N, C-alpha and C. Protein backbone atom coordinates (compact mmCIF):
# COMPACT_ATOMS: atom_id res chain seq x y z
N UNK A 1 59.73 -41.87 -2.71
CA UNK A 1 58.69 -43.21 -2.14
C UNK A 1 59.68 -43.27 -0.32
N UNK A 2 58.49 -43.69 0.26
CA UNK A 2 58.82 -43.80 1.71
C UNK A 2 58.32 -45.49 2.02
N UNK A 3 59.32 -45.86 2.68
CA UNK A 3 58.66 -47.56 3.19
C UNK A 3 59.09 -47.45 4.70
N UNK A 4 58.02 -48.56 5.70
CA UNK A 4 58.09 -48.50 6.62
C UNK A 4 57.64 -49.72 7.19
N UNK A 5 57.58 -50.01 8.15
CA UNK A 5 56.80 -51.31 8.89
C UNK A 5 56.06 -50.93 10.01
N UNK A 6 54.61 -51.70 9.51
CA UNK A 6 53.80 -50.86 10.83
C UNK A 6 53.55 -52.24 11.84
N UNK A 7 53.65 -52.04 12.86
CA UNK A 7 53.43 -52.74 13.94
C UNK A 7 52.47 -52.32 14.80
N UNK A 8 51.09 -52.85 14.10
CA UNK A 8 50.15 -52.36 15.26
C UNK A 8 48.94 -52.89 15.85
N UNK A 9 48.17 -53.04 17.13
CA UNK A 9 47.37 -53.81 17.53
C UNK A 9 46.24 -52.87 17.52
N UNK A 10 44.86 -53.75 17.63
CA UNK A 10 43.72 -52.98 17.28
C UNK A 10 42.57 -53.72 17.77
N UNK A 11 41.58 -52.84 18.04
CA UNK A 11 40.21 -53.91 18.84
C UNK A 11 39.39 -52.77 18.38
N UNK A 12 38.17 -53.40 18.21
CA UNK A 12 37.05 -52.54 17.52
C UNK A 12 36.64 -52.35 19.32
N UNK A 13 35.60 -51.37 19.38
CA UNK A 13 34.51 -50.53 20.55
C UNK A 13 33.97 -50.44 20.30
N UNK A 14 32.80 -50.47 21.57
CA UNK A 14 31.54 -50.42 21.27
C UNK A 14 31.77 -48.82 21.47
N UNK A 15 30.17 -47.86 21.60
CA UNK A 15 30.11 -46.69 21.40
C UNK A 15 30.25 -46.24 22.85
N UNK A 16 29.98 -46.82 23.58
CA UNK A 16 30.07 -46.48 25.07
C UNK A 16 31.88 -46.77 25.35
N UNK A 17 32.43 -47.89 24.97
CA UNK A 17 33.83 -47.82 25.08
C UNK A 17 34.39 -46.73 24.77
N UNK A 18 34.10 -46.26 23.57
CA UNK A 18 35.17 -45.64 22.44
C UNK A 18 35.16 -43.85 23.49
N UNK A 19 33.72 -43.64 23.92
CA UNK A 19 33.72 -42.45 24.52
C UNK A 19 34.27 -42.80 26.01
N UNK A 20 33.87 -43.76 26.92
CA UNK A 20 34.67 -43.97 28.20
C UNK A 20 36.25 -43.55 27.53
N UNK A 21 36.70 -44.30 26.76
CA UNK A 21 38.61 -44.04 26.79
C UNK A 21 38.88 -42.57 26.22
N UNK A 22 37.56 -42.01 25.27
CA UNK A 22 38.04 -40.73 25.08
C UNK A 22 38.44 -39.49 25.94
N UNK A 23 37.39 -39.91 27.31
CA UNK A 23 37.10 -38.85 28.37
C UNK A 23 38.09 -39.41 29.20
N UNK A 24 38.61 -41.02 29.36
CA UNK A 24 39.92 -41.03 29.93
C UNK A 24 41.02 -40.41 30.06
N UNK A 25 41.03 -40.18 28.34
CA UNK A 25 42.05 -39.07 27.84
C UNK A 25 42.19 -37.89 27.84
N UNK A 26 40.79 -37.40 28.46
CA UNK A 26 40.84 -35.70 28.36
C UNK A 26 40.72 -35.65 26.68
N UNK A 27 39.69 -36.31 25.68
CA UNK A 27 39.64 -36.02 24.16
C UNK A 27 38.73 -35.05 23.98
N UNK A 28 38.61 -34.23 23.34
CA UNK A 28 37.20 -33.34 22.88
C UNK A 28 37.26 -34.04 21.30
N UNK A 29 36.13 -33.09 20.97
CA UNK A 29 35.68 -33.36 19.51
C UNK A 29 36.50 -32.01 18.53
N UNK A 30 37.68 -31.32 19.29
CA UNK A 30 38.86 -30.73 18.25
C UNK A 30 39.59 -31.43 18.28
N UNK A 31 40.00 -32.81 19.46
CA UNK A 31 41.17 -33.66 19.37
C UNK A 31 41.11 -34.22 17.88
N UNK A 32 39.77 -34.54 17.39
CA UNK A 32 39.64 -35.53 16.20
C UNK A 32 39.71 -34.85 15.04
N UNK A 33 40.31 -35.48 13.98
CA UNK A 33 40.78 -34.68 12.53
C UNK A 33 40.11 -35.72 11.93
N UNK A 34 39.34 -35.10 10.38
CA UNK A 34 38.90 -35.91 9.49
C UNK A 34 40.09 -36.50 8.66
N UNK A 35 39.86 -37.54 8.34
CA UNK A 35 40.39 -38.13 6.97
C UNK A 35 39.92 -39.14 6.51
N UNK A 36 40.04 -39.40 5.18
CA UNK A 36 39.25 -40.44 4.12
C UNK A 36 40.43 -41.62 3.54
N UNK A 37 39.96 -42.51 3.81
CA UNK A 37 40.81 -43.45 2.91
C UNK A 37 39.99 -43.72 1.58
N UNK A 38 40.52 -43.68 0.37
CA UNK A 38 39.91 -44.23 -1.03
C UNK A 38 40.46 -45.23 -1.22
N UNK A 39 39.74 -46.51 -1.27
CA UNK A 39 40.18 -48.08 -1.73
C UNK A 39 40.18 -48.19 -3.08
N UNK A 40 41.20 -48.83 -3.65
CA UNK A 40 41.30 -49.52 -4.91
C UNK A 40 41.67 -51.07 -5.02
N UNK A 41 41.09 -51.74 -5.73
CA UNK A 41 41.42 -52.92 -6.31
C UNK A 41 40.97 -53.13 -7.87
N UNK A 42 41.22 -54.16 -8.27
CA UNK A 42 40.91 -54.88 -9.31
C UNK A 42 39.45 -55.25 -9.70
N UNK A 43 38.41 -55.55 -10.78
CA UNK A 43 37.60 -56.34 -10.12
C UNK A 43 37.57 -57.57 -9.89
N UNK A 44 38.49 -58.63 -9.98
CA UNK A 44 38.53 -59.36 -9.65
C UNK A 44 39.34 -60.00 -7.87
N UNK A 45 39.62 -58.59 -7.58
CA UNK A 45 40.05 -58.53 -6.31
C UNK A 45 41.93 -58.78 -5.95
N UNK A 46 42.41 -58.59 -6.85
CA UNK A 46 43.92 -59.17 -7.13
C UNK A 46 44.57 -58.72 -5.40
N UNK A 47 44.59 -57.63 -5.48
CA UNK A 47 45.34 -57.14 -4.45
C UNK A 47 44.81 -57.85 -2.94
N UNK A 48 43.73 -57.98 -2.67
CA UNK A 48 43.12 -58.67 -1.83
C UNK A 48 43.94 -60.07 -1.45
N UNK A 49 43.73 -60.53 -3.03
CA UNK A 49 43.54 -62.34 -2.64
C UNK A 49 45.69 -62.46 -2.55
N UNK A 50 46.28 -61.20 -2.81
CA UNK A 50 47.75 -61.36 -2.51
C UNK A 50 47.82 -60.87 -0.91
N UNK A 51 46.66 -60.41 -0.16
CA UNK A 51 46.95 -59.89 0.97
C UNK A 51 47.56 -58.25 1.10
N UNK A 52 47.15 -57.69 0.08
CA UNK A 52 47.37 -56.39 -0.15
C UNK A 52 46.41 -55.36 -0.05
N UNK A 53 46.82 -54.26 -0.04
CA UNK A 53 45.52 -53.46 0.21
C UNK A 53 46.11 -51.86 -0.30
N UNK A 54 45.42 -50.86 -1.16
CA UNK A 54 45.68 -49.74 -2.12
C UNK A 54 45.01 -48.75 -1.44
N UNK A 55 45.56 -47.82 -1.36
CA UNK A 55 44.47 -46.60 -0.83
C UNK A 55 45.22 -45.23 -1.02
N UNK A 56 44.12 -44.23 -1.11
CA UNK A 56 45.01 -42.81 -1.22
C UNK A 56 44.10 -42.28 0.08
N UNK A 57 45.04 -42.07 0.84
CA UNK A 57 44.38 -41.04 2.07
C UNK A 57 44.68 -39.49 2.18
N UNK A 58 43.19 -39.00 2.00
CA UNK A 58 43.15 -37.48 2.21
C UNK A 58 42.75 -36.89 3.36
N UNK A 59 44.04 -35.92 3.85
CA UNK A 59 44.25 -35.90 5.11
C UNK A 59 44.75 -34.56 5.32
N UNK A 60 44.16 -33.47 5.78
CA UNK A 60 45.09 -31.69 5.49
C UNK A 60 45.21 -30.99 4.27
N UNK A 61 44.52 -31.70 3.19
CA UNK A 61 44.70 -31.53 2.31
C UNK A 61 46.04 -31.59 1.30
N UNK A 62 46.40 -33.06 2.04
CA UNK A 62 47.24 -34.22 1.22
C UNK A 62 46.47 -35.18 1.04
N UNK A 63 47.46 -35.95 -0.02
CA UNK A 63 46.65 -36.93 -0.50
C UNK A 63 48.27 -38.00 -0.83
N UNK A 64 48.14 -39.44 -0.08
CA UNK A 64 49.01 -40.08 0.13
C UNK A 64 48.68 -41.43 -0.50
N UNK A 65 49.21 -41.86 -1.25
CA UNK A 65 48.89 -43.16 -1.89
C UNK A 65 49.66 -44.28 -1.13
N UNK A 66 49.07 -45.27 -0.52
CA UNK A 66 49.92 -45.93 0.19
C UNK A 66 49.50 -47.90 -0.34
N UNK A 67 50.39 -48.51 -0.67
CA UNK A 67 50.43 -49.81 -0.57
C UNK A 67 50.47 -50.39 0.80
N UNK A 68 49.84 -51.62 0.91
CA UNK A 68 50.25 -52.11 2.09
C UNK A 68 50.38 -53.97 1.79
N UNK A 69 51.43 -54.10 2.18
CA UNK A 69 51.68 -56.11 1.76
C UNK A 69 52.32 -56.23 3.12
N UNK A 70 52.05 -57.66 3.23
CA UNK A 70 52.38 -58.43 3.92
C UNK A 70 54.03 -58.49 4.00
N UNK A 71 54.25 -58.29 5.88
CA UNK A 71 55.57 -58.72 6.22
C UNK A 71 55.74 -59.49 7.17
N UNK A 72 56.80 -60.03 7.70
CA UNK A 72 57.10 -61.08 8.78
C UNK A 72 56.75 -59.88 10.00
N UNK A 73 57.15 -58.82 10.33
CA UNK A 73 57.01 -57.92 11.56
C UNK A 73 55.37 -57.66 11.86
N UNK A 74 54.81 -57.24 10.62
CA UNK A 74 53.18 -56.37 10.64
C UNK A 74 52.90 -56.43 9.28
N UNK A 75 52.92 -54.98 8.70
CA UNK A 75 52.87 -54.67 7.40
C UNK A 75 54.08 -53.68 6.97
N UNK A 76 54.58 -53.77 5.56
CA UNK A 76 54.99 -53.14 4.54
C UNK A 76 54.56 -51.91 3.98
N UNK A 77 54.72 -50.88 4.39
CA UNK A 77 53.54 -49.95 3.75
C UNK A 77 54.62 -48.97 2.64
N UNK A 78 54.13 -48.75 1.61
CA UNK A 78 55.09 -47.99 0.44
C UNK A 78 53.89 -46.47 0.55
N UNK A 79 54.83 -45.79 0.39
CA UNK A 79 53.97 -44.25 0.24
C UNK A 79 54.54 -43.45 -1.00
N UNK A 80 53.70 -42.91 -1.51
CA UNK A 80 53.94 -41.85 -2.89
C UNK A 80 53.14 -40.75 -2.00
N UNK A 81 53.30 -39.57 -2.66
CA UNK A 81 52.62 -38.45 -2.49
C UNK A 81 51.94 -38.32 -4.17
N UNK A 82 50.75 -38.06 -3.94
CA UNK A 82 50.09 -37.76 -5.43
C UNK A 82 48.87 -36.03 -5.40
N UNK A 83 48.43 -35.59 -6.14
CA UNK A 83 47.95 -34.62 -5.73
C UNK A 83 46.44 -35.29 -5.94
N UNK A 84 45.20 -33.91 -5.64
CA UNK A 84 44.03 -34.30 -5.81
C UNK A 84 43.67 -34.73 -7.28
N UNK A 85 44.33 -34.01 -8.30
CA UNK A 85 43.86 -34.31 -9.34
C UNK A 85 43.79 -35.95 -9.84
N UNK A 86 45.09 -35.89 -9.10
CA UNK A 86 45.41 -37.78 -9.55
C UNK A 86 44.08 -38.61 -9.04
N UNK A 87 44.26 -37.94 -7.87
CA UNK A 87 43.35 -38.55 -7.16
C UNK A 87 41.93 -38.78 -7.59
N UNK A 88 41.26 -37.88 -8.16
CA UNK A 88 39.81 -37.42 -9.16
C UNK A 88 40.25 -38.60 -10.43
N UNK A 89 41.35 -38.31 -10.89
CA UNK A 89 41.61 -39.50 -12.08
C UNK A 89 41.43 -40.27 -11.91
N UNK A 90 41.87 -41.11 -11.13
CA UNK A 90 41.91 -42.79 -10.46
C UNK A 90 40.47 -42.98 -9.83
N UNK A 91 39.91 -42.05 -9.10
CA UNK A 91 38.45 -42.46 -8.85
C UNK A 91 37.39 -42.34 -9.97
N UNK A 92 37.92 -41.67 -11.12
CA UNK A 92 36.89 -41.70 -11.98
C UNK A 92 36.97 -42.23 -13.11
N UNK A 93 38.34 -42.72 -13.76
CA UNK A 93 38.47 -43.58 -14.79
C UNK A 93 39.44 -44.97 -14.51
N UNK A 94 39.82 -45.07 -13.24
CA UNK A 94 40.86 -46.20 -12.50
C UNK A 94 42.03 -46.25 -12.97
N UNK A 95 42.82 -47.40 -13.08
CA UNK A 95 44.13 -47.24 -13.74
C UNK A 95 44.97 -46.93 -12.14
N UNK A 96 46.08 -46.49 -12.76
CA UNK A 96 47.26 -46.49 -11.73
C UNK A 96 48.35 -45.21 -12.11
N UNK A 97 48.75 -44.37 -11.47
CA UNK A 97 49.53 -43.80 -11.51
C UNK A 97 50.94 -44.22 -11.89
N UNK A 98 51.76 -43.83 -12.50
CA UNK A 98 53.01 -44.38 -12.62
C UNK A 98 54.13 -43.97 -11.18
N UNK A 99 55.03 -44.87 -11.25
CA UNK A 99 55.80 -44.81 -10.06
C UNK A 99 56.19 -46.11 -9.24
N UNK A 100 56.50 -45.68 -8.23
CA UNK A 100 57.54 -47.55 -7.59
C UNK A 100 56.05 -47.87 -6.93
N UNK A 101 55.32 -47.52 -6.58
CA UNK A 101 54.19 -48.62 -6.37
C UNK A 101 53.41 -49.24 -7.49
N UNK A 102 53.26 -48.21 -8.65
CA UNK A 102 52.93 -49.28 -10.06
C UNK A 102 53.91 -50.33 -10.34
N UNK A 103 55.19 -49.87 -9.94
CA UNK A 103 56.29 -50.93 -10.44
C UNK A 103 55.97 -52.15 -9.44
N UNK A 104 55.77 -52.34 -7.88
CA UNK A 104 55.82 -53.16 -7.29
C UNK A 104 54.69 -54.09 -7.28
N UNK A 105 53.52 -53.44 -7.88
CA UNK A 105 52.19 -54.30 -8.28
C UNK A 105 52.42 -55.24 -9.36
N UNK A 106 52.64 -54.49 -10.41
CA UNK A 106 53.38 -55.00 -11.92
C UNK A 106 54.26 -55.78 -11.56
N UNK A 107 55.38 -55.76 -10.97
CA UNK A 107 56.59 -56.80 -10.93
C UNK A 107 56.41 -57.66 -10.20
N UNK A 108 56.21 -57.31 -8.70
CA UNK A 108 56.19 -58.40 -7.38
C UNK A 108 55.17 -59.26 -7.51
N UNK A 109 53.61 -58.63 -7.89
CA UNK A 109 52.58 -59.31 -8.02
C UNK A 109 51.52 -59.57 -9.15
N UNK A 110 52.36 -59.01 -10.13
CA UNK A 110 51.81 -59.29 -11.51
C UNK A 110 50.42 -58.77 -11.38
N UNK A 111 50.07 -57.95 -11.18
CA UNK A 111 48.56 -56.96 -10.64
C UNK A 111 48.56 -56.08 -12.25
N UNK A 112 47.98 -56.42 -13.06
CA UNK A 112 47.83 -55.55 -14.05
C UNK A 112 47.09 -53.75 -13.68
N UNK A 113 48.11 -52.94 -13.64
CA UNK A 113 47.26 -51.91 -12.57
C UNK A 113 46.50 -51.06 -13.61
N UNK A 114 46.25 -51.40 -14.83
CA UNK A 114 45.49 -50.75 -15.64
C UNK A 114 43.53 -51.30 -15.38
N UNK A 115 43.81 -52.39 -14.81
CA UNK A 115 42.39 -52.99 -14.35
C UNK A 115 42.16 -52.09 -12.97
N UNK A 116 42.98 -51.46 -12.01
CA UNK A 116 42.50 -50.72 -10.71
C UNK A 116 41.04 -50.45 -10.89
N UNK A 117 40.10 -50.09 -9.86
CA UNK A 117 38.89 -49.49 -10.13
C UNK A 117 38.66 -48.73 -8.34
N UNK A 118 38.40 -47.83 -8.49
CA UNK A 118 37.62 -47.14 -6.96
C UNK A 118 36.64 -48.06 -6.92
N UNK A 119 36.67 -48.57 -5.46
CA UNK A 119 35.81 -49.14 -4.56
C UNK A 119 34.82 -48.14 -3.82
N UNK A 120 35.48 -47.58 -3.31
CA UNK A 120 34.82 -46.68 -2.37
C UNK A 120 35.30 -45.59 -1.14
N UNK A 121 34.96 -45.23 -0.20
CA UNK A 121 35.98 -44.69 0.82
C UNK A 121 35.10 -44.59 2.22
N UNK A 122 36.24 -44.55 2.86
CA UNK A 122 36.12 -44.63 4.47
C UNK A 122 36.41 -43.83 4.90
N UNK A 123 35.67 -42.82 6.03
CA UNK A 123 36.16 -41.26 6.44
C UNK A 123 36.00 -41.60 7.76
N UNK A 124 37.23 -41.25 8.62
CA UNK A 124 37.52 -41.63 9.98
C UNK A 124 37.42 -40.12 10.68
N UNK A 125 36.76 -40.28 11.67
CA UNK A 125 37.71 -39.07 12.54
C UNK A 125 38.66 -39.71 13.75
N UNK A 126 39.91 -38.83 13.76
CA UNK A 126 40.88 -39.64 14.41
C UNK A 126 41.18 -38.71 15.34
N UNK A 127 41.71 -39.36 16.64
CA UNK A 127 42.67 -38.78 17.64
C UNK A 127 43.73 -39.51 17.86
N UNK A 128 45.17 -38.73 17.98
CA UNK A 128 46.41 -39.44 18.01
C UNK A 128 46.99 -39.00 19.46
N UNK A 129 47.60 -40.13 20.17
CA UNK A 129 47.73 -39.42 21.54
C UNK A 129 49.26 -40.45 21.86
N UNK A 130 50.50 -39.52 22.36
CA UNK A 130 51.25 -40.41 22.71
C UNK A 130 51.07 -41.17 23.57
N UNK A 131 51.71 -42.52 23.64
CA UNK A 131 51.09 -43.34 24.67
C UNK A 131 52.53 -44.53 24.92
N UNK A 132 52.92 -44.36 26.03
CA UNK A 132 53.85 -45.82 26.51
C UNK A 132 54.86 -46.27 25.44
N UNK A 133 55.53 -44.75 25.08
CA UNK A 133 56.66 -45.09 23.92
C UNK A 133 55.97 -45.50 22.63
N UNK A 134 54.43 -45.66 22.40
CA UNK A 134 54.07 -45.81 21.20
C UNK A 134 52.96 -44.61 20.86
N UNK A 135 52.05 -45.11 19.95
CA UNK A 135 50.96 -44.08 19.67
C UNK A 135 49.68 -44.95 19.91
N UNK A 136 49.13 -44.33 20.44
CA UNK A 136 47.53 -44.86 20.88
C UNK A 136 46.80 -43.99 20.02
N UNK A 137 45.58 -44.62 19.16
CA UNK A 137 44.83 -43.97 18.11
C UNK A 137 43.23 -44.20 18.75
N UNK A 138 42.30 -43.36 18.11
CA UNK A 138 40.91 -43.72 18.36
C UNK A 138 40.11 -43.17 16.90
N UNK A 139 39.46 -44.23 16.68
CA UNK A 139 38.95 -43.69 15.51
C UNK A 139 37.18 -44.21 15.59
N UNK A 140 36.86 -43.25 15.11
CA UNK A 140 35.36 -43.15 14.37
C UNK A 140 35.13 -43.42 13.10
N UNK A 141 34.57 -44.39 12.64
CA UNK A 141 35.02 -44.51 11.10
C UNK A 141 33.30 -44.83 10.15
N UNK A 142 33.28 -44.13 9.53
CA UNK A 142 31.66 -44.20 8.58
C UNK A 142 32.09 -44.79 7.17
N UNK A 143 31.29 -46.14 6.73
CA UNK A 143 31.98 -46.47 5.46
C UNK A 143 30.50 -47.27 5.08
N UNK A 144 29.98 -47.24 4.01
CA UNK A 144 29.01 -47.91 3.35
C UNK A 144 27.74 -47.89 4.19
N UNK A 145 27.73 -46.96 5.22
CA UNK A 145 25.74 -46.85 5.83
C UNK A 145 26.59 -47.11 6.81
N UNK A 146 27.37 -47.64 7.87
CA UNK A 146 27.53 -48.07 8.93
C UNK A 146 28.66 -47.18 9.73
N UNK A 147 28.80 -46.70 10.91
CA UNK A 147 29.74 -46.45 11.74
C UNK A 147 30.11 -47.53 12.60
N UNK A 148 31.49 -47.76 12.67
CA UNK A 148 32.22 -48.34 14.04
C UNK A 148 33.16 -47.52 14.61
N UNK A 149 33.59 -48.12 15.66
CA UNK A 149 34.99 -47.74 16.48
C UNK A 149 35.91 -48.30 16.90
N UNK A 150 37.26 -47.80 17.28
CA UNK A 150 38.48 -48.55 17.22
C UNK A 150 39.49 -48.03 18.27
N UNK A 151 40.06 -48.79 18.49
CA UNK A 151 41.80 -48.30 19.06
C UNK A 151 42.39 -48.96 18.36
N UNK A 152 43.63 -48.30 18.36
CA UNK A 152 45.02 -48.74 17.75
C UNK A 152 46.11 -48.15 18.59
N UNK A 153 47.07 -49.11 18.76
CA UNK A 153 48.34 -49.06 19.30
C UNK A 153 49.88 -49.25 18.64
N UNK A 154 50.31 -48.25 17.86
CA UNK A 154 51.26 -48.32 17.18
C UNK A 154 52.57 -48.73 17.97
N UNK A 155 53.39 -49.24 17.78
CA UNK A 155 54.49 -50.05 18.79
C UNK A 155 56.15 -49.94 17.75
N UNK A 156 56.56 -49.93 18.25
CA UNK A 156 58.12 -49.81 17.35
C UNK A 156 58.80 -51.51 17.60
N UNK A 157 57.82 -52.30 18.95
CA UNK A 157 58.24 -53.77 18.70
C UNK A 157 57.23 -54.78 18.86
N UNK A 158 57.17 -55.85 18.58
CA UNK A 158 55.84 -56.62 18.82
C UNK A 158 55.48 -57.05 20.19
N UNK A 159 56.42 -57.34 20.99
CA UNK A 159 56.22 -58.25 21.95
C UNK A 159 56.00 -56.81 23.37
N UNK A 160 56.73 -56.07 22.89
CA UNK A 160 56.23 -54.23 24.24
C UNK A 160 54.82 -54.18 23.73
N UNK A 161 54.68 -53.94 22.75
CA UNK A 161 53.47 -53.69 21.95
C UNK A 161 52.43 -54.33 22.31
N UNK A 162 52.51 -55.78 22.30
CA UNK A 162 51.34 -56.26 22.86
C UNK A 162 50.71 -56.29 24.25
N UNK A 163 51.99 -56.03 25.02
CA UNK A 163 51.74 -56.29 26.29
C UNK A 163 51.26 -54.91 26.95
N UNK A 164 51.68 -53.73 26.45
CA UNK A 164 51.34 -52.36 26.48
C UNK A 164 49.52 -52.32 26.34
N UNK A 165 49.19 -52.90 24.72
CA UNK A 165 47.93 -52.72 24.40
C UNK A 165 47.14 -53.67 25.15
N UNK A 166 47.31 -54.81 25.26
CA UNK A 166 46.40 -55.84 26.43
C UNK A 166 46.15 -55.22 27.58
N UNK A 167 47.03 -54.33 28.21
CA UNK A 167 46.96 -53.89 29.34
C UNK A 167 46.33 -52.66 29.38
N UNK A 168 46.34 -51.96 28.47
CA UNK A 168 45.45 -50.77 28.51
C UNK A 168 43.79 -51.50 28.09
N UNK A 169 43.79 -52.61 27.40
CA UNK A 169 41.80 -52.97 27.18
C UNK A 169 41.72 -53.26 28.70
N UNK A 170 42.48 -54.29 29.28
CA UNK A 170 42.55 -54.65 30.68
C UNK A 170 41.63 -53.46 31.81
N UNK A 171 42.65 -52.35 31.82
CA UNK A 171 42.77 -51.27 32.33
C UNK A 171 41.36 -50.42 32.15
N UNK A 172 40.71 -50.69 31.15
CA UNK A 172 39.61 -50.09 30.88
C UNK A 172 38.03 -51.45 30.12
N UNK A 173 38.29 -52.21 31.09
CA UNK A 173 37.47 -53.38 30.74
C UNK A 173 36.80 -53.46 29.61
N UNK A 174 37.80 -53.54 28.69
CA UNK A 174 37.06 -53.80 27.25
C UNK A 174 38.00 -55.21 26.87
N UNK A 175 36.83 -55.87 26.47
CA UNK A 175 37.17 -57.38 26.24
C UNK A 175 38.34 -57.63 24.78
N UNK A 176 39.09 -58.17 24.65
CA UNK A 176 40.46 -58.54 23.35
C UNK A 176 39.36 -59.09 22.03
N UNK A 177 38.69 -58.50 21.26
CA UNK A 177 38.19 -58.71 19.83
C UNK A 177 39.06 -58.76 18.92
N UNK A 178 38.79 -60.36 17.86
CA UNK A 178 39.61 -60.20 17.04
C UNK A 178 39.17 -59.33 15.73
N UNK A 179 39.96 -58.72 15.31
CA UNK A 179 39.41 -57.08 14.67
C UNK A 179 40.45 -57.16 13.36
N UNK A 180 39.73 -56.97 12.36
CA UNK A 180 40.32 -56.93 10.96
C UNK A 180 40.67 -55.45 10.80
N UNK A 181 41.47 -55.39 10.21
CA UNK A 181 41.87 -53.58 9.81
C UNK A 181 41.04 -53.61 8.67
N UNK A 182 40.96 -51.65 8.61
CA UNK A 182 39.93 -50.93 8.10
C UNK A 182 39.67 -51.48 6.74
N UNK A 183 40.46 -51.91 6.20
CA UNK A 183 39.81 -52.36 4.38
C UNK A 183 39.33 -53.72 4.50
N UNK A 184 39.99 -54.40 5.33
CA UNK A 184 39.25 -55.74 5.35
C UNK A 184 37.57 -55.77 5.64
N UNK A 185 37.77 -54.80 6.81
CA UNK A 185 36.10 -54.74 7.15
C UNK A 185 35.41 -53.65 5.99
N UNK A 186 35.64 -53.06 5.40
CA UNK A 186 35.12 -52.30 4.39
C UNK A 186 34.91 -53.41 3.17
N UNK A 187 36.16 -54.09 2.91
CA UNK A 187 35.87 -55.34 1.99
C UNK A 187 34.72 -56.74 1.91
N UNK A 188 34.52 -56.85 3.57
CA UNK A 188 33.94 -57.65 3.76
C UNK A 188 32.22 -57.17 3.73
N UNK A 189 32.12 -55.35 4.00
CA UNK A 189 30.78 -54.99 4.08
C UNK A 189 30.31 -55.35 2.34
N UNK A 190 31.50 -54.49 1.26
CA UNK A 190 30.94 -54.25 0.36
C UNK A 190 30.48 -55.40 -0.26
N UNK A 191 31.27 -56.85 -0.23
CA UNK A 191 31.26 -58.27 -0.24
C UNK A 191 29.82 -58.20 -0.47
N UNK A 192 29.17 -57.94 0.79
CA UNK A 192 27.49 -58.68 0.76
C UNK A 192 27.04 -57.40 0.73
N UNK A 193 26.97 -56.08 0.20
CA UNK A 193 26.18 -55.49 -0.52
C UNK A 193 25.53 -56.19 -1.51
């Protein structure tokens, strides 16, 4: 099990803004790599209610189960490597794999992991660039019949990260937009279908 604090800033982009920023950083289609996030929650959305998220990220033939939970500095992410067969089992029959994440859900949040269900998949074409002592990420995501575009900046500390991120947006004439994270956008759309 691996844990880390995620400090990131994000902003939705129009298609035009996305392509302008991509061109500015000389990104071509080969700069973008595909990844898929498979989301899980209980039928009564116990994870969402606790401001948590559970996903399995499929990337480069690897599968990582991640629990995101609130933390004063951002999000605490707990990671656990799983197999393709374990992903398939969770998608088809629900439930949860044994391990640290299962223990956290049951003991810290009292969420019955046997109730977990597969909700859907969000696929992303992602480019990552080292930028001003952090990581700049451009995402084109498809889920539930829509496509959206986003820029993220992952920083080592909140104060510096915010300055760098807002400066980047200003430099590219992009307005600061309140932006939910991907799973929140996915859930909002799913609830309205």
